[in-house]
Every structure is written in structure tokens, then in C-alpha cells.
Amino acid sequence: MPNISLQTAATLTEWSLSTLRRRLADGTLRCASHHQDKNKAMICFDSIKNDICMALEADEIELIQRADTGDASAQNDVAVLFLAYDKPQSAVYWLELAAKQNFADAMQLLGNCYLKAKGVAKDDNLAMMWVAKAASLGHPIALAQMKSIRLLPDEDCA
């Protein structure tokens, strides 16, 4: 079974990092014995599989593992999975990771999360920023969103 980072375990279980560390310390969770980055704590997926906040298929577990290694496309797909399970806070974590790697789909989705207050506080400025960044990379939905914003009448000048 795969090993995953503490942060990934937190998104899957909806436990805090301190809860995960406490459970590692008391032996409730098993720490992976080997990892290239000695500063990154890894845990055995099997030790949390009964506490995951949603049902996962084998291919979804593999997707999560790829996302955990930094694959922006997989991070975006994991976010979409969390959104489908109505877990927007966990989705936002993955969208932010992918968006910071200039993954346009994640930027556009993250903008919508800020616009609709899904997993984050509503923030029109951050929504606009992320959608505009996605549009600047040629994302078709973000381009349409920006076009519709430009066509809105300016209420201050009306």
C-alpha cells in the first residue's frame, strides 16, 4: 500500500495535522519507514484507510498518490474528486497547490471557489485574480468569464 504525506492524510481524514502527529506518536498510525525527503513525514495509507471521509476506488488512491508527489494535473483531479464529494475545504487545498504551478484548470476552479464561498471565505478580488490568471493562460471558461465581466455595465458610472 502507498505512503502519503501528513497533509494528504489530513485532507483525506479531515483531521488536523496535530491530531495526526499525536496519533503517530501514540502508535495509532504507522509512520512510513523510508522516504527520500527526511523532513517530510510520511504515513502508511493503510493506517488511515478506515478513517477516510469518502469512499475511494483503487485508481483514485493512485491519483491521490500522484497528487501527493506534486503532479499538478493529479492535484486538480483530486480537487475535483473532493468537490464531487462535497468536501470543498479539502478541494481548495489541492487547487491551491496546482494553481501555484500555473495549472489553468485549477486557477479557474479556485476562482470559482472564492466567488461562491466554497471551502473559503467569499472574496471577489481573489476570485477575479485566479480567473484572470487562468484566462491569461488561455483557459476557455476563464476567458468567457472575463469577457462577461467586461460586458457588465459599470454601476458607478450609470
Protein backbone atom coordinates (compact mmCIF):
# COMPACT_ATOMS: atom_id res chain seq x y z
CA MET A 1 0.00 0.00 0.00
CA PRO A 2 1.14 3.56 -0.65
CA ASN A 3 2.70 6.02 1.72
CA ILE A 4 1.27 9.54 1.87
CA SER A 5 2.26 12.83 3.45
CA LEU A 6 0.68 14.08 6.66
CA GLN A 7 -1.02 16.93 4.77
CA THR A 8 -2.58 14.48 2.33
CA ALA A 9 -3.74 12.35 5.25
CA ALA A 10 -5.28 15.47 6.79
CA THR A 11 -7.31 16.18 3.65
CA LEU A 12 -8.45 12.57 3.44
CA THR A 13 -9.45 12.18 7.09
CA GLU A 14 -10.40 15.79 7.85
CA TRP A 15 -8.17 15.52 10.94
CA SER A 16 -5.82 18.32 11.92
CA LEU A 17 -2.07 17.92 11.50
CA SER A 18 -1.69 17.96 15.29
CA THR A 19 -4.16 15.08 15.60
CA LEU A 20 -2.22 13.11 13.00
CA ARG A 21 1.09 13.80 14.78
CA ARG A 22 -0.41 12.80 18.12
CA ARG A 23 -1.71 9.54 16.62
CA LEU A 24 1.71 8.87 15.09
CA ALA A 25 3.33 9.45 18.47
CA ASP A 26 0.95 7.13 20.32
CA GLY A 27 1.26 4.42 17.66
CA THR A 28 -2.33 4.61 16.40
CA LEU A 29 -0.94 5.47 12.96
CA ARG A 30 2.09 3.89 11.32
CA CYS A 31 4.86 6.10 10.04
CA ALA A 32 6.42 5.05 6.75
CA SER A 33 9.94 3.89 7.43
CA HIS A 34 11.50 5.28 4.27
CA HIS A 35 11.22 8.47 2.25
CA GLN A 36 13.71 10.43 0.16
CA ASP A 37 13.00 13.73 1.94
CA LYS A 38 13.73 13.10 5.60
CA ASN A 39 11.96 16.37 6.55
CA LYS A 40 8.66 15.21 5.08
CA ALA A 41 6.79 12.86 7.41
CA MET A 42 5.03 10.06 5.57
CA ILE A 43 2.44 7.66 6.91
CA CYS A 44 1.18 4.32 5.69
CA PHE A 45 -2.08 4.73 3.81
CA ASP A 46 -3.40 1.52 5.39
CA SER A 47 -3.29 3.12 8.84
CA ILE A 48 -5.93 5.72 7.83
CA LYS A 49 -7.98 3.81 5.24
CA ASN A 50 -10.86 3.23 7.68
CA ASP A 51 -10.99 6.93 8.60
CA ILE A 52 -11.14 8.47 5.12
CA CYS A 53 -14.02 10.92 4.64
CA MET A 54 -15.16 9.35 1.34
CA ALA A 55 -15.17 6.04 -0.49
CA LEU A 56 -12.13 5.64 -2.74
CA GLU A 57 -11.51 3.27 -5.62
CA ALA A 58 -8.02 1.90 -6.35
CA ASP A 59 -7.50 4.33 -9.26
CA GLU A 60 -8.46 7.26 -7.01
CA ILE A 61 -5.91 6.17 -4.41
CA GLU A 62 -3.29 6.07 -7.17
CA LEU A 63 -4.40 9.56 -8.27
CA ILE A 64 -4.01 10.86 -4.71
CA GLN A 65 -0.54 9.37 -4.54
CA ARG A 66 0.45 11.17 -7.78
CA ALA A 67 -1.03 14.41 -6.47
CA ASP A 68 0.95 13.98 -3.25
CA THR A 69 4.18 13.87 -5.28
CA GLY A 70 3.42 17.28 -6.80
CA ASP A 71 1.74 16.39 -10.10
CA ALA A 72 -0.40 19.49 -10.83
CA SER A 73 -2.83 17.67 -13.12
CA ALA A 74 -3.42 14.99 -10.47
CA GLN A 75 -3.80 17.68 -7.79
CA ASN A 76 -6.51 19.32 -9.90
CA ASP A 77 -8.24 15.96 -10.42
CA VAL A 78 -8.11 15.20 -6.69
CA ALA A 79 -9.68 18.62 -6.03
CA VAL A 80 -12.49 17.79 -8.47
CA LEU A 81 -12.96 14.49 -6.62
CA PHE A 82 -13.25 16.33 -3.30
CA LEU A 83 -15.71 18.80 -4.83
CA ALA A 84 -17.81 15.88 -6.10
CA TYR A 85 -17.93 14.51 -2.53
CA ASP A 86 -18.89 17.99 -1.23
CA LYS A 87 -15.57 18.44 0.59
CA PRO A 88 -14.68 21.95 -0.65
CA GLN A 89 -12.10 22.80 2.03
CA SER A 90 -10.01 19.80 1.07
CA ALA A 91 -10.57 20.61 -2.61
CA VAL A 92 -9.24 24.15 -2.11
CA TYR A 93 -6.00 22.76 -0.63
CA TRP A 94 -5.36 20.76 -3.81
CA LEU A 95 -6.48 23.57 -6.12
CA GLU A 96 -4.05 25.97 -4.46
CA LEU A 97 -1.17 23.53 -4.96
CA ALA A 98 -1.98 23.08 -8.65
CA ALA A 99 -2.72 26.79 -9.23
CA LYS A 100 0.65 27.75 -7.76
CA GLN A 101 2.17 25.58 -10.51
CA ASN A 102 0.28 27.63 -13.14
CA PHE A 103 -2.26 24.88 -13.86
CA ALA A 104 -5.04 26.88 -15.54
CA ASP A 105 -7.91 24.48 -14.73
CA ALA A 106 -7.08 24.74 -11.03
CA MET A 107 -6.84 28.54 -11.23
CA GLN A 108 -10.29 28.79 -12.79
CA LEU A 109 -11.84 26.38 -10.27
CA LEU A 110 -10.12 28.15 -7.38
CA GLY A 111 -11.51 31.46 -8.63
CA ASN A 112 -14.99 29.95 -8.62
CA CYS A 113 -14.47 28.67 -5.07
CA TYR A 114 -13.66 32.22 -3.93
CA LEU A 115 -16.59 33.61 -5.91
CA LYS A 116 -19.09 31.12 -4.44
CA ALA A 117 -17.51 30.78 -0.96
CA LYS A 118 -16.91 27.04 -1.42
CA GLY A 119 -14.29 25.94 1.07
CA VAL A 120 -13.03 29.50 1.56
CA ALA A 121 -14.49 32.85 2.57
CA LYS A 122 -16.06 34.72 -0.34
CA ASP A 123 -13.50 37.06 -1.86
CA ASP A 124 -14.36 38.69 -5.17
CA ASN A 125 -10.83 40.07 -5.57
CA LEU A 126 -9.15 36.68 -5.21
CA ALA A 127 -11.83 35.15 -7.44
CA MET A 128 -11.07 37.71 -10.14
CA MET A 129 -7.32 37.27 -9.73
CA TRP A 130 -7.42 33.48 -10.19
CA VAL A 131 -9.88 33.59 -13.09
CA ALA A 132 -7.82 36.32 -14.78
CA LYS A 133 -4.64 34.26 -14.37
CA ALA A 134 -6.38 31.24 -15.90
CA ALA A 135 -7.66 33.42 -18.75
CA SER A 136 -4.14 34.75 -19.37
CA LEU A 137 -3.08 31.13 -19.93
CA GLY A 138 -5.87 30.67 -22.48
CA HIS A 139 -8.34 28.71 -20.31
CA PRO A 140 -11.59 28.83 -22.35
CA ILE A 141 -14.04 29.03 -19.42
CA ALA A 142 -11.95 31.70 -17.70
CA LEU A 143 -11.74 33.65 -20.96
CA ALA A 144 -15.55 33.56 -21.22
CA GLN A 145 -15.87 34.64 -17.59
CA MET A 146 -13.54 37.60 -18.15
CA LYS A 147 -15.41 38.57 -21.33
CA SER A 148 -18.73 38.56 -19.48
CA ILE A 149 -17.25 40.69 -16.69
CA ARG A 150 -16.04 43.25 -19.23
CA LEU A 151 -19.54 43.42 -20.73
CA LEU A 152 -21.22 44.24 -17.41
CA PRO A 153 -22.37 47.85 -17.10
CA ASP A 154 -20.32 49.97 -14.69
CA GLU A 155 -22.81 50.75 -11.92
CA ASP A 156 -20.77 53.69 -10.63
CA CYS A 157 -20.93 55.48 -13.98
CA ALA A 158 -24.57 54.70 -14.81
